[in-house]
Amino acid sequence: MYFGSFYFYKNYIIGEIKEGVFYDWKKANRLIKLALNFYGSGKKPHYISNRKNSYFVNPADWIKFYKSEHRISSYLIVHRSKSSMFNIKFEKMFFKDKILHFDSLHEAVNWVNSTKK
């Protein structure tokens, strides 16, 4: 996709949004449609946001995500800077579930693989 790269695995997705992108509901909805195509409607994959680049997430769009009744098993963020930690805290104000954060993609994938879902 023009705004990022997404890697689909058996029970999780790794998303890497491109530098400077404003990631909003319109873009997220395109990803959701791809995920539904890949997993079907009964599966709830984990989503790992591998934040290699600096970009902006519209946190208020999480409300649209929940209203759309799409679900994920967990939301994991791999962060690489102090500023991204601030962004995570801001997102937590809008995200209803727990956001897990990790220092490396390897740690995040290991966590997903250790779950039973």
PDB file of N, CA and C in Angstrom:
ATOM      1  N   MET A   1       0.846  -1.184   0.000  1.00  0.00           N
ATOM      2  CA  MET A   1       0.000   0.000   0.000  1.00  0.00           C
ATOM      3  C   MET A   1       0.887   1.243   0.000  1.00  0.00           C
ATOM      4  N   TYR A   2       0.379   2.313  -0.513  1.00  0.00           N
ATOM      5  CA  TYR A   2       1.188   3.514  -0.663  1.00  0.00           C
ATOM      6  C   TYR A   2       1.594   4.137   0.672  1.00  0.00           C
ATOM      7  N   PHE A   3       0.890   3.841   1.752  1.00  0.00           N
ATOM      8  CA  PHE A   3       1.178   4.476   3.037  1.00  0.00           C
ATOM      9  C   PHE A   3       1.980   3.593   3.987  1.00  0.00           C
ATOM     10  N   GLY A   4       2.250   2.345   3.598  1.00  0.00           N
ATOM     11  CA  GLY A   4       3.030   1.465   4.459  1.00  0.00           C
ATOM     12  C   GLY A   4       3.124   0.057   3.911  1.00  0.00           C
ATOM     13  N   SER A   5       3.893  -0.755   4.625  1.00  0.00           N
ATOM     14  CA  SER A   5       4.047  -2.170   4.278  1.00  0.00           C
ATOM     15  C   SER A   5       3.415  -3.014   5.372  1.00  0.00           C
ATOM     16  N   PHE A   6       2.721  -4.073   4.968  1.00  0.00           N
ATOM     17  CA  PHE A   6       2.015  -4.925   5.920  1.00  0.00           C
ATOM     18  C   PHE A   6       2.324  -6.377   5.596  1.00  0.00           C
ATOM     19  N   TYR A   7       2.678  -7.116   6.632  1.00  0.00           N
ATOM     20  CA  TYR A   7       3.090  -8.504   6.487  1.00  0.00           C
ATOM     21  C   TYR A   7       2.113  -9.380   7.260  1.00  0.00           C
ATOM     22  N   PHE A   8       1.454 -10.277   6.553  1.00  0.00           N
ATOM     23  CA  PHE A   8       0.423 -11.129   7.141  1.00  0.00           C
ATOM     24  C   PHE A   8       1.008 -12.508   7.452  1.00  0.00           C
ATOM     25  N   TYR A   9       0.867 -12.912   8.696  1.00  0.00           N
ATOM     26  CA  TYR A   9       1.318 -14.223   9.156  1.00  0.00           C
ATOM     27  C   TYR A   9       0.106 -14.999   9.671  1.00  0.00           C
ATOM     28  N   LYS A  10       0.333 -16.206  10.123  1.00  0.00           N
ATOM     29  CA  LYS A  10      -0.765 -17.081  10.542  1.00  0.00           C
ATOM     30  C   LYS A  10      -1.696 -16.422  11.560  1.00  0.00           C
ATOM     31  N   ASN A  11      -1.141 -15.782  12.594  1.00  0.00           N
ATOM     32  CA  ASN A  11      -1.998 -15.197  13.633  1.00  0.00           C
ATOM     33  C   ASN A  11      -1.650 -13.747  13.971  1.00  0.00           C
ATOM     34  N   TYR A  12      -0.861 -13.098  13.129  1.00  0.00           N
ATOM     35  CA  TYR A  12      -0.545 -11.690  13.388  1.00  0.00           C
ATOM     36  C   TYR A  12      -0.185 -10.955  12.100  1.00  0.00           C
ATOM     37  N   ILE A  13      -0.279  -9.631  12.207  1.00  0.00           N
ATOM     38  CA  ILE A  13       0.083  -8.724  11.119  1.00  0.00           C
ATOM     39  C   ILE A  13       1.169  -7.801  11.652  1.00  0.00           C
ATOM     40  N   ILE A  14       2.187  -7.562  10.853  1.00  0.00           N
ATOM     41  CA  ILE A  14       3.184  -6.547  11.182  1.00  0.00           C
ATOM     42  C   ILE A  14       2.950  -5.387  10.230  1.00  0.00           C
ATOM     43  N   GLY A  15       2.746  -4.199  10.796  1.00  0.00           N
ATOM     44  CA  GLY A  15       2.537  -3.007   9.998  1.00  0.00           C
ATOM     45  C   GLY A  15       3.687  -2.032  10.166  1.00  0.00           C
ATOM     46  N   GLU A  16       4.174  -1.494   9.049  1.00  0.00           N
ATOM     47  CA  GLU A  16       5.235  -0.488   9.061  1.00  0.00           C
ATOM     48  C   GLU A  16       4.770   0.689   8.211  1.00  0.00           C
ATOM     49  N   ILE A  17       4.314   1.730   8.883  1.00  0.00           N
ATOM     50  CA  ILE A  17       3.806   2.923   8.199  1.00  0.00           C
ATOM     51  C   ILE A  17       4.995   3.752   7.713  1.00  0.00           C
ATOM     52  N   LYS A  18       4.859   4.346   6.548  1.00  0.00           N
ATOM     53  CA  LYS A  18       5.944   5.135   5.959  1.00  0.00           C
ATOM     54  C   LYS A  18       6.126   6.473   6.681  1.00  0.00           C
ATOM     55  N   GLU A  19       7.302   7.011   6.522  1.00  0.00           N
ATOM     56  CA  GLU A  19       7.696   8.285   7.129  1.00  0.00           C
ATOM     57  C   GLU A  19       6.726   9.401   6.735  1.00  0.00           C
ATOM     58  N   GLY A  20       6.281  10.181   7.737  1.00  0.00           N
ATOM     59  CA  GLY A  20       5.477  11.368   7.504  1.00  0.00           C
ATOM     60  C   GLY A  20       4.005  11.143   7.196  1.00  0.00           C
ATOM     61  N   VAL A  21       3.544   9.921   7.196  1.00  0.00           N
ATOM     62  CA  VAL A  21       2.153   9.606   6.853  1.00  0.00           C
ATOM     63  C   VAL A  21       1.216  10.034   7.983  1.00  0.00           C
ATOM     64  N   PHE A  22       0.056  10.536   7.606  1.00  0.00           N
ATOM     65  CA  PHE A  22      -1.035  10.773   8.553  1.00  0.00           C
ATOM     66  C   PHE A  22      -1.937   9.549   8.452  1.00  0.00           C
ATOM     67  N   TYR A  23      -1.845   8.657   9.444  1.00  0.00           N
ATOM     68  CA  TYR A  23      -2.572   7.387   9.423  1.00  0.00           C
ATOM     69  C   TYR A  23      -3.939   7.589  10.054  1.00  0.00           C
ATOM     70  N   ASP A  24      -4.964   7.525   9.227  1.00  0.00           N
ATOM     71  CA  ASP A  24      -6.322   7.806   9.681  1.00  0.00           C
ATOM     72  C   ASP A  24      -7.238   6.614   9.388  1.00  0.00           C
ATOM     73  N   TRP A  25      -8.518   6.789   9.660  1.00  0.00           N
ATOM     74  CA  TRP A  25      -9.488   5.713   9.496  1.00  0.00           C
ATOM     75  C   TRP A  25      -9.561   5.220   8.053  1.00  0.00           C
ATOM     76  N   LYS A  26      -9.479   6.117   7.088  1.00  0.00           N
ATOM     77  CA  LYS A  26      -9.564   5.724   5.680  1.00  0.00           C
ATOM     78  C   LYS A  26      -8.456   4.721   5.340  1.00  0.00           C
ATOM     79  N   LYS A  27      -7.249   4.992   5.803  1.00  0.00           N
ATOM     80  CA  LYS A  27      -6.133   4.080   5.546  1.00  0.00           C
ATOM     81  C   LYS A  27      -6.295   2.791   6.350  1.00  0.00           C
ATOM     82  N   ALA A  28      -6.692   2.920   7.606  1.00  0.00           N
ATOM     83  CA  ALA A  28      -6.879   1.736   8.457  1.00  0.00           C
ATOM     84  C   ALA A  28      -7.945   0.817   7.871  1.00  0.00           C
ATOM     85  N   ASN A  29      -8.988   1.387   7.331  1.00  0.00           N
ATOM     86  CA  ASN A  29     -10.075   0.595   6.758  1.00  0.00           C
ATOM     87  C   ASN A  29      -9.595  -0.224   5.557  1.00  0.00           C
ATOM     88  N   ARG A  30      -8.671   0.319   4.786  1.00  0.00           N
ATOM     89  CA  ARG A  30      -8.098  -0.443   3.660  1.00  0.00           C
ATOM     90  C   ARG A  30      -7.354  -1.666   4.180  1.00  0.00           C
ATOM     91  N   LEU A  31      -6.618  -1.475   5.282  1.00  0.00           N
ATOM     92  CA  LEU A  31      -5.898  -2.594   5.892  1.00  0.00           C
ATOM     93  C   LEU A  31      -6.876  -3.628   6.453  1.00  0.00           C
ATOM     94  N   ILE A  32      -7.938  -3.164   7.080  1.00  0.00           N
ATOM     95  CA  ILE A  32      -8.947  -4.073   7.642  1.00  0.00           C
ATOM     96  C   ILE A  32      -9.545  -4.950   6.542  1.00  0.00           C
ATOM     97  N   LYS A  33      -9.844  -4.351   5.394  1.00  0.00           N
ATOM     98  CA  LYS A  33     -10.406  -5.127   4.281  1.00  0.00           C
ATOM     99  C   LYS A  33      -9.430  -6.204   3.800  1.00  0.00           C
ATOM    100  N   LEU A  34      -8.152  -5.854   3.740  1.00  0.00           N
ATOM    101  CA  LEU A  34      -7.145  -6.851   3.360  1.00  0.00           C
ATOM    102  C   LEU A  34      -7.069  -7.972   4.387  1.00  0.00           C
ATOM    103  N   ALA A  35      -7.113  -7.600   5.666  1.00  0.00           N
ATOM    104  CA  ALA A  35      -7.047  -8.596   6.744  1.00  0.00           C
ATOM    105  C   ALA A  35      -8.259  -9.525   6.701  1.00  0.00           C
ATOM    106  N   LEU A  36      -9.441  -8.973   6.466  1.00  0.00           N
ATOM    107  CA  LEU A  36     -10.645  -9.808   6.356  1.00  0.00           C
ATOM    108  C   LEU A  36     -10.535 -10.780   5.189  1.00  0.00           C
ATOM    109  N   ASN A  37      -9.969 -10.308   4.103  1.00  0.00           N
ATOM    110  CA  ASN A  37      -9.740 -11.165   2.942  1.00  0.00           C
ATOM    111  C   ASN A  37      -8.779 -12.303   3.275  1.00  0.00           C
ATOM    112  N   PHE A  38      -7.738 -11.993   4.030  1.00  0.00           N
ATOM    113  CA  PHE A  38      -6.700 -12.966   4.360  1.00  0.00           C
ATOM    114  C   PHE A  38      -7.148 -13.946   5.442  1.00  0.00           C
ATOM    115  N   TYR A  39      -7.743 -13.429   6.532  1.00  0.00           N
ATOM    116  CA  TYR A  39      -8.075 -14.250   7.699  1.00  0.00           C
ATOM    117  C   TYR A  39      -9.523 -14.740   7.732  1.00  0.00           C
ATOM    118  N   GLY A  40     -10.417 -14.046   7.052  1.00  0.00           N
ATOM    119  CA  GLY A  40     -11.840 -14.344   7.188  1.00  0.00           C
ATOM    120  C   GLY A  40     -12.411 -13.557   8.358  1.00  0.00           C
ATOM    121  N   SER A  41     -13.721 -13.593   8.515  1.00  0.00           N
ATOM    122  CA  SER A  41     -14.367 -12.740   9.522  1.00  0.00           C
ATOM    123  C   SER A  41     -14.305 -13.299  10.936  1.00  0.00           C
ATOM    124  N   GLY A  42     -14.007 -14.579  11.103  1.00  0.00           N
ATOM    125  CA  GLY A  42     -14.010 -15.167  12.440  1.00  0.00           C
ATOM    126  C   GLY A  42     -12.700 -15.071  13.193  1.00  0.00           C
ATOM    127  N   LYS A  43     -11.633 -14.690  12.536  1.00  0.00           N
ATOM    128  CA  LYS A  43     -10.301 -14.672  13.156  1.00  0.00           C
ATOM    129  C   LYS A  43      -9.953 -13.273  13.647  1.00  0.00           C
ATOM    130  N   LYS A  44      -9.313 -13.205  14.820  1.00  0.00           N
ATOM    131  CA  LYS A  44      -8.864 -11.927  15.378  1.00  0.00           C
ATOM    132  C   LYS A  44      -7.338 -11.963  15.502  1.00  0.00           C
ATOM    133  N   PRO A  45      -6.636 -11.480  14.482  1.00  0.00           N
ATOM    134  CA  PRO A  45      -5.174 -11.520  14.549  1.00  0.00           C
ATOM    135  C   PRO A  45      -4.632 -10.487  15.536  1.00  0.00           C
ATOM    136  N   HIS A  46      -3.399 -10.684  15.950  1.00  0.00           N
ATOM    137  CA  HIS A  46      -2.678  -9.677  16.717  1.00  0.00           C
ATOM    138  C   HIS A  46      -2.157  -8.660  15.702  1.00  0.00           C
ATOM    139  N   TYR A  47      -2.025  -7.406  16.123  1.00  0.00           N
ATOM    140  CA  TYR A  47      -1.466  -6.393  15.234  1.00  0.00           C
ATOM    141  C   TYR A  47      -0.216  -5.815  15.883  1.00  0.00           C
ATOM    142  N   ILE A  48       0.906  -5.928  15.185  1.00  0.00           N
ATOM    143  CA  ILE A  48       2.176  -5.375  15.660  1.00  0.00           C
ATOM    144  C   ILE A  48       2.498  -4.154  14.812  1.00  0.00           C
ATOM    145  N   SER A  49       2.546  -2.999  15.459  1.00  0.00           N
ATOM    146  CA  SER A  49       2.919  -1.764  14.786  1.00  0.00           C
ATOM    147  C   SER A  49       4.424  -1.582  14.972  1.00  0.00           C
ATOM    148  N   ASN A  50       5.180  -1.856  13.914  1.00  0.00           N
ATOM    149  CA  ASN A  50       6.638  -1.728  13.966  1.00  0.00           C
ATOM    150  C   ASN A  50       6.994  -0.305  13.558  1.00  0.00           C
ATOM    151  N   ARG A  51       7.169   0.552  14.532  1.00  0.00           N
ATOM    152  CA  ARG A  51       7.323   1.990  14.276  1.00  0.00           C
ATOM    153  C   ARG A  51       8.767   2.351  13.961  1.00  0.00           C
ATOM    154  N   LYS A  52       9.153   2.015  12.733  1.00  0.00           N
ATOM    155  CA  LYS A  52      10.494   2.321  12.244  1.00  0.00           C
ATOM    156  C   LYS A  52      10.595   3.777  11.808  1.00  0.00           C
ATOM    157  N   ASN A  53       9.473   4.358  11.447  1.00  0.00           N
ATOM    158  CA  ASN A  53       9.434   5.710  10.904  1.00  0.00           C
ATOM    159  C   ASN A  53       8.593   6.614  11.791  1.00  0.00           C
ATOM    160  N   SER A  54       8.736   7.893  11.562  1.00  0.00           N
ATOM    161  CA  SER A  54       7.945   8.879  12.292  1.00  0.00           C
ATOM    162  C   SER A  54       6.695   9.204  11.469  1.00  0.00           C
ATOM    163  N   TYR A  55       5.532   9.042  12.082  1.00  0.00           N
ATOM    164  CA  TYR A  55       4.270   9.336  11.413  1.00  0.00           C
ATOM    165  C   TYR A  55       3.238   9.662  12.478  1.00  0.00           C
ATOM    166  N   PHE A  56       2.074  10.121  12.049  1.00  0.00           N
ATOM    167  CA  PHE A  56       1.034  10.523  12.985  1.00  0.00           C
ATOM    168  C   PHE A  56      -0.162   9.590  12.865  1.00  0.00           C
ATOM    169  N   VAL A  57      -0.631   9.107  14.006  1.00  0.00           N
ATOM    170  CA  VAL A  57      -1.854   8.301  14.065  1.00  0.00           C
ATOM    171  C   VAL A  57      -2.965   9.188  14.603  1.00  0.00           C
ATOM    172  N   ASN A  58      -4.105   9.206  13.936  1.00  0.00           N
ATOM    173  CA  ASN A  58      -5.242   9.948  14.459  1.00  0.00           C
ATOM    174  C   ASN A  58      -5.902   9.075  15.529  1.00  0.00           C
ATOM    175  N   PRO A  59      -5.623   9.340  16.821  1.00  0.00           N
ATOM    176  CA  PRO A  59      -6.123   8.457  17.874  1.00  0.00           C
ATOM    177  C   PRO A  59      -7.645   8.435  17.985  1.00  0.00           C
ATOM    178  N   ALA A  60      -8.305   9.515  17.600  1.00  0.00           N
ATOM    179  CA  ALA A  60      -9.768   9.549  17.676  1.00  0.00           C
ATOM    180  C   ALA A  60     -10.398   8.532  16.731  1.00  0.00           C
ATOM    181  N   ASP A  61      -9.649   8.105  15.722  1.00  0.00           N
ATOM    182  CA  ASP A  61     -10.181   7.112  14.784  1.00  0.00           C
ATOM    183  C   ASP A  61     -10.312   5.728  15.408  1.00  0.00           C
ATOM    184  N   TRP A  62      -9.715   5.506  16.588  1.00  0.00           N
ATOM    185  CA  TRP A  62      -9.943   4.238  17.286  1.00  0.00           C
ATOM    186  C   TRP A  62     -11.428   4.071  17.604  1.00  0.00           C
ATOM    187  N   ILE A  63     -12.121   5.172  17.827  1.00  0.00           N
ATOM    188  CA  ILE A  63     -13.564   5.114  18.099  1.00  0.00           C
ATOM    189  C   ILE A  63     -14.286   4.521  16.885  1.00  0.00           C
ATOM    190  N   LYS A  64     -13.895   4.938  15.689  1.00  0.00           N
ATOM    191  CA  LYS A  64     -14.491   4.387  14.463  1.00  0.00           C
ATOM    192  C   LYS A  64     -14.168   2.901  14.336  1.00  0.00           C
ATOM    193  N   PHE A  65     -12.961   2.528  14.731  1.00  0.00           N
ATOM    194  CA  PHE A  65     -12.570   1.115  14.691  1.00  0.00           C
ATOM    195  C   PHE A  65     -13.496   0.276  15.560  1.00  0.00           C
ATOM    196  N   TYR A  66     -13.753   0.730  16.778  1.00  0.00           N
ATOM    197  CA  TYR A  66     -14.624  -0.031  17.680  1.00  0.00           C
ATOM    198  C   TYR A  66     -16.075  -0.042  17.202  1.00  0.00           C
ATOM    199  N   LYS A  67     -16.534   1.061  16.638  1.00  0.00           N
ATOM    200  CA  LYS A  67     -17.907   1.103  16.121  1.00  0.00           C
ATOM    201  C   LYS A  67     -18.079   0.176  14.919  1.00  0.00           C
ATOM    202  N   SER A  68     -17.007  -0.074  14.202  1.00  0.00           N
ATOM    203  CA  SER A  68     -17.086  -0.942  13.023  1.00  0.00           C
ATOM    204  C   SER A  68     -17.121  -2.418  13.405  1.00  0.00           C
ATOM    205  N   GLU A  69     -16.947  -2.707  14.678  1.00  0.00           N
ATOM    206  CA  GLU A  69     -16.992  -4.063  15.229  1.00  0.00           C
ATOM    207  C   GLU A  69     -15.869  -4.966  14.732  1.00  0.00           C
ATOM    208  N   HIS A  70     -14.815  -4.390  14.208  1.00  0.00           N
ATOM    209  CA  HIS A  70     -13.626  -5.177  13.880  1.00  0.00           C
ATOM    210  C   HIS A  70     -12.824  -5.332  15.160  1.00  0.00           C
ATOM    211  N   ARG A  71     -12.202  -6.462  15.327  1.00  0.00           N
ATOM    212  CA  ARG A  71     -11.453  -6.715  16.555  1.00  0.00           C
ATOM    213  C   ARG A  71     -10.093  -7.319  16.239  1.00  0.00           C
ATOM    214  N   ILE A  72      -9.168  -7.054  17.138  1.00  0.00           N
ATOM    215  CA  ILE A  72      -7.862  -7.690  17.083  1.00  0.00           C
ATOM    216  C   ILE A  72      -7.624  -8.359  18.426  1.00  0.00           C
ATOM    217  N   SER A  73      -6.780  -9.369  18.438  1.00  0.00           N
ATOM    218  CA  SER A  73      -6.492 -10.065  19.694  1.00  0.00           C
ATOM    219  C   SER A  73      -5.667  -9.198  20.628  1.00  0.00           C
ATOM    220  N   SER A  74      -4.712  -8.475  20.070  1.00  0.00           N
ATOM    221  CA  SER A  74      -3.907  -7.553  20.870  1.00  0.00           C
ATOM    222  C   SER A  74      -3.263  -6.533  19.944  1.00  0.00           C
ATOM    223  N   TYR A  75      -2.875  -5.424  20.536  1.00  0.00           N
ATOM    224  CA  TYR A  75      -2.228  -4.340  19.805  1.00  0.00           C
ATOM    225  C   TYR A  75      -0.862  -4.137  20.430  1.00  0.00           C
ATOM    226  N   LEU A  76       0.177  -4.389  19.665  1.00  0.00           N
ATOM    227  CA  LEU A  76       1.546  -4.289  20.145  1.00  0.00           C
ATOM    228  C   LEU A  76       2.268  -3.204  19.363  1.00  0.00           C
ATOM    229  N   ILE A  77       3.063  -2.425  20.056  1.00  0.00           N
ATOM    230  CA  ILE A  77       3.834  -1.372  19.407  1.00  0.00           C
ATOM    231  C   ILE A  77       5.310  -1.598  19.699  1.00  0.00           C
ATOM    232  N   VAL A  78       6.106  -1.601  18.636  1.00  0.00           N
ATOM    233  CA  VAL A  78       7.558  -1.639  18.771  1.00  0.00           C
ATOM    234  C   VAL A  78       8.024  -0.202  18.586  1.00  0.00           C
ATOM    235  N   HIS A  79       8.603   0.358  19.636  1.00  0.00           N
ATOM    236  CA  HIS A  79       9.003   1.768  19.592  1.00  0.00           C
ATOM    237  C   HIS A  79      10.515   1.879  19.652  1.00  0.00           C
ATOM    238  N   ARG A  80      11.022   2.994  19.136  1.00  0.00           N
ATOM    239  CA  ARG A  80      12.465   3.182  19.072  1.00  0.00           C
ATOM    240  C   ARG A  80      12.926   4.523  19.622  1.00  0.00           C
ATOM    241  N   SER A  81      12.004   5.322  20.138  1.00  0.00           N
ATOM    242  CA  SER A  81      12.407   6.634  20.642  1.00  0.00           C
ATOM    243  C   SER A  81      11.514   7.060  21.798  1.00  0.00           C
ATOM    244  N   LYS A  82      11.981   8.071  22.526  1.00  0.00           N
ATOM    245  CA  LYS A  82      11.185   8.593  23.639  1.00  0.00           C
ATOM    246  C   LYS A  82       9.923   9.280  23.133  1.00  0.00           C
ATOM    247  N   SER A  83      10.017   9.924  21.977  1.00  0.00           N
ATOM    248  CA  SER A  83       8.828  10.604  21.447  1.00  0.00           C
ATOM    249  C   SER A  83       7.741   9.595  21.093  1.00  0.00           C
ATOM    250  N   SER A  84       8.130   8.411  20.648  1.00  0.00           N
ATOM    251  CA  SER A  84       7.104   7.413  20.336  1.00  0.00           C
ATOM    252  C   SER A  84       6.424   6.917  21.605  1.00  0.00           C
ATOM    253  N   MET A  85       7.125   6.933  22.729  1.00  0.00           N
ATOM    254  CA  MET A  85       6.493   6.570  24.004  1.00  0.00           C
ATOM    255  C   MET A  85       5.408   7.586  24.363  1.00  0.00           C
ATOM    256  N   PHE A  86       5.658   8.859  24.093  1.00  0.00           N
ATOM    257  CA  PHE A  86       4.649   9.894  24.329  1.00  0.00           C
ATOM    258  C   PHE A  86       3.421   9.628  23.461  1.00  0.00           C
ATOM    259  N   ASN A  87       3.652   9.274  22.204  1.00  0.00           N
ATOM    260  CA  ASN A  87       2.538   8.983  21.293  1.00  0.00           C
ATOM    261  C   ASN A  87       1.721   7.791  21.771  1.00  0.00           C
ATOM    262  N   ILE A  88       2.397   6.779  22.317  1.00  0.00           N
ATOM    263  CA  ILE A  88       1.694   5.607  22.839  1.00  0.00           C
ATOM    264  C   ILE A  88       0.783   6.019  23.987  1.00  0.00           C
ATOM    265  N   LYS A  89       1.292   6.857  24.880  1.00  0.00           N
ATOM    266  CA  LYS A  89       0.473   7.314  26.014  1.00  0.00           C
ATOM    267  C   LYS A  89      -0.756   8.070  25.519  1.00  0.00           C
ATOM    268  N   PHE A  90      -0.579   8.866  24.477  1.00  0.00           N
ATOM    269  CA  PHE A  90      -1.701   9.608  23.907  1.00  0.00           C
ATOM    270  C   PHE A  90      -2.717   8.654  23.278  1.00  0.00           C
ATOM    271  N   GLU A  91      -2.244   7.667  22.528  1.00  0.00           N
ATOM    272  CA  GLU A  91      -3.146   6.687  21.911  1.00  0.00           C
ATOM    273  C   GLU A  91      -3.942   5.917  22.954  1.00  0.00           C
ATOM    274  N   LYS A  92      -3.308   5.625  24.089  1.00  0.00           N
ATOM    275  CA  LYS A  92      -3.979   4.866  25.145  1.00  0.00           C
ATOM    276  C   LYS A  92      -5.238   5.567  25.648  1.00  0.00           C
ATOM    277  N   MET A  93      -5.312   6.877  25.459  1.00  0.00           N
ATOM    278  CA  MET A  93      -6.497   7.623  25.885  1.00  0.00           C
ATOM    279  C   MET A  93      -7.716   7.252  25.036  1.00  0.00           C
ATOM    280  N   PHE A  94      -7.495   6.739  23.840  1.00  0.00           N
ATOM    281  CA  PHE A  94      -8.584   6.436  22.909  1.00  0.00           C
ATOM    282  C   PHE A  94      -8.771   4.944  22.666  1.00  0.00           C
ATOM    283  N   PHE A  95      -7.748   4.160  22.896  1.00  0.00           N
ATOM    284  CA  PHE A  95      -7.798   2.719  22.648  1.00  0.00           C
ATOM    285  C   PHE A  95      -8.380   2.036  23.870  1.00  0.00           C
ATOM    286  N   LYS A  96      -9.450   1.263  23.682  1.00  0.00           N
ATOM    287  CA  LYS A  96     -10.180   0.670  24.811  1.00  0.00           C
ATOM    288  C   LYS A  96      -9.416  -0.444  25.509  1.00  0.00           C
ATOM    289  N   ASP A  97      -8.590  -1.161  24.781  1.00  0.00           N
ATOM    290  CA  ASP A  97      -7.879  -2.305  25.340  1.00  0.00           C
ATOM    291  C   ASP A  97      -6.447  -1.916  25.693  1.00  0.00           C
ATOM    292  N   LYS A  98      -5.713  -2.887  26.169  1.00  0.00           N
ATOM    293  CA  LYS A  98      -4.332  -2.646  26.563  1.00  0.00           C
ATOM    294  C   LYS A  98      -3.434  -2.559  25.331  1.00  0.00           C
ATOM    295  N   ILE A  99      -2.502  -1.609  25.359  1.00  0.00           N
ATOM    296  CA  ILE A  99      -1.477  -1.513  24.331  1.00  0.00           C
ATOM    297  C   ILE A  99      -0.187  -2.050  24.937  1.00  0.00           C
ATOM    298  N   LEU A 100       0.364  -3.059  24.302  1.00  0.00           N
ATOM    299  CA  LEU A 100       1.633  -3.623  24.755  1.00  0.00           C
ATOM    300  C   LEU A 100       2.753  -2.970  23.964  1.00  0.00           C
ATOM    301  N   HIS A 101       3.852  -2.642  24.622  1.00  0.00           N
ATOM    302  CA  HIS A 101       4.954  -2.043  23.875  1.00  0.00           C
ATOM    303  C   HIS A 101       6.251  -2.790  24.137  1.00  0.00           C
ATOM    304  N   PHE A 102       7.066  -2.837  23.095  1.00  0.00           N
ATOM    305  CA  PHE A 102       8.305  -3.607  23.100  1.00  0.00           C
ATOM    306  C   PHE A 102       9.420  -2.772  22.485  1.00  0.00           C
ATOM    307  N   ASP A 103      10.651  -3.138  22.827  1.00  0.00           N
ATOM    308  CA  ASP A 103      11.820  -2.445  22.288  1.00  0.00           C
ATOM    309  C   ASP A 103      12.298  -3.038  20.965  1.00  0.00           C
ATOM    310  N   SER A 104      11.853  -4.249  20.648  1.00  0.00           N
ATOM    311  CA  SER A 104      12.282  -4.867  19.386  1.00  0.00           C
ATOM    312  C   SER A 104      11.141  -5.681  18.778  1.00  0.00           C
ATOM    313  N   LEU A 105      11.203  -5.811  17.475  1.00  0.00           N
ATOM    314  CA  LEU A 105      10.210  -6.608  16.757  1.00  0.00           C
ATOM    315  C   LEU A 105      10.302  -8.072  17.194  1.00  0.00           C
ATOM    316  N   HIS A 106      11.500  -8.542  17.418  1.00  0.00           N
ATOM    317  CA  HIS A 106      11.714  -9.924  17.864  1.00  0.00           C
ATOM    318  C   HIS A 106      10.957 -10.199  19.163  1.00  0.00           C
ATOM    319  N   GLU A 107      11.048  -9.276  20.121  1.00  0.00           N
ATOM    320  CA  GLU A 107      10.335  -9.436  21.397  1.00  0.00           C
ATOM    321  C   GLU A 107       8.823  -9.483  21.183  1.00  0.00           C
ATOM    322  N   ALA A 108       8.318  -8.607  20.319  1.00  0.00           N
ATOM    323  CA  ALA A 108       6.873  -8.551  20.065  1.00  0.00           C
ATOM    324  C   ALA A 108       6.377  -9.848  19.421  1.00  0.00           C
ATOM    325  N   VAL A 109       7.099 -10.336  18.431  1.00  0.00           N
ATOM    326  CA  VAL A 109       6.707 -11.580  17.759  1.00  0.00           C
ATOM    327  C   VAL A 109       6.775 -12.752  18.739  1.00  0.00           C
ATOM    328  N   ASN A 110       7.815 -12.786  19.569  1.00  0.00           N
ATOM    329  CA  ASN A 110       7.913 -13.855  20.578  1.00  0.00           C
ATOM    330  C   ASN A 110       6.727 -13.820  21.529  1.00  0.00           C
ATOM    331  N   TRP A 111       6.303 -12.618  21.926  1.00  0.00           N
ATOM    332  CA  TRP A 111       5.148 -12.510  22.826  1.00  0.00           C
ATOM    333  C   TRP A 111       3.897 -13.081  22.148  1.00  0.00           C
ATOM    334  N   VAL A 112       3.668 -12.684  20.897  1.00  0.00           N
ATOM    335  CA  VAL A 112       2.497 -13.188  20.161  1.00  0.00           C
ATOM    336  C   VAL A 112       2.550 -14.708  20.059  1.00  0.00           C
ATOM    337  N   ASN A 113       3.706 -15.234  19.720  1.00  0.00           N
ATOM    338  CA  ASN A 113       3.834 -16.687  19.555  1.00  0.00           C
ATOM    339  C   ASN A 113       3.683 -17.443  20.869  1.00  0.00           C
ATOM    340  N   SER A 114       3.865 -16.754  21.986  1.00  0.00           N
ATOM    341  CA  SER A 114       3.724 -17.417  23.286  1.00  0.00           C
ATOM    342  C   SER A 114       2.276 -17.441  23.780  1.00  0.00           C
ATOM    343  N   THR A 115       1.390 -16.694  23.107  1.00  0.00           N
ATOM    344  CA  THR A 115      -0.018 -16.678  23.510  1.00  0.00           C
ATOM    345  C   THR A 115      -0.734 -17.868  22.905  1.00  0.00           C
ATOM    346  N   LYS A 116      -1.858 -18.202  23.473  1.00  0.00           N
ATOM    347  CA  LYS A 116      -2.609 -19.379  23.005  1.00  0.00           C
ATOM    348  C   LYS A 116      -3.659 -19.022  21.966  1.00  0.00           C
ATOM    349  N   LYS A 117      -3.873 -17.720  21.688  1.00  0.00           N
ATOM    350  CA  LYS A 117      -4.915 -17.303  20.744  1.00  0.00           C
ATOM    351  C   LYS A 117      -4.461 -17.502  19.324  1.00  0.00           C
TER     352      LYS A 117
END
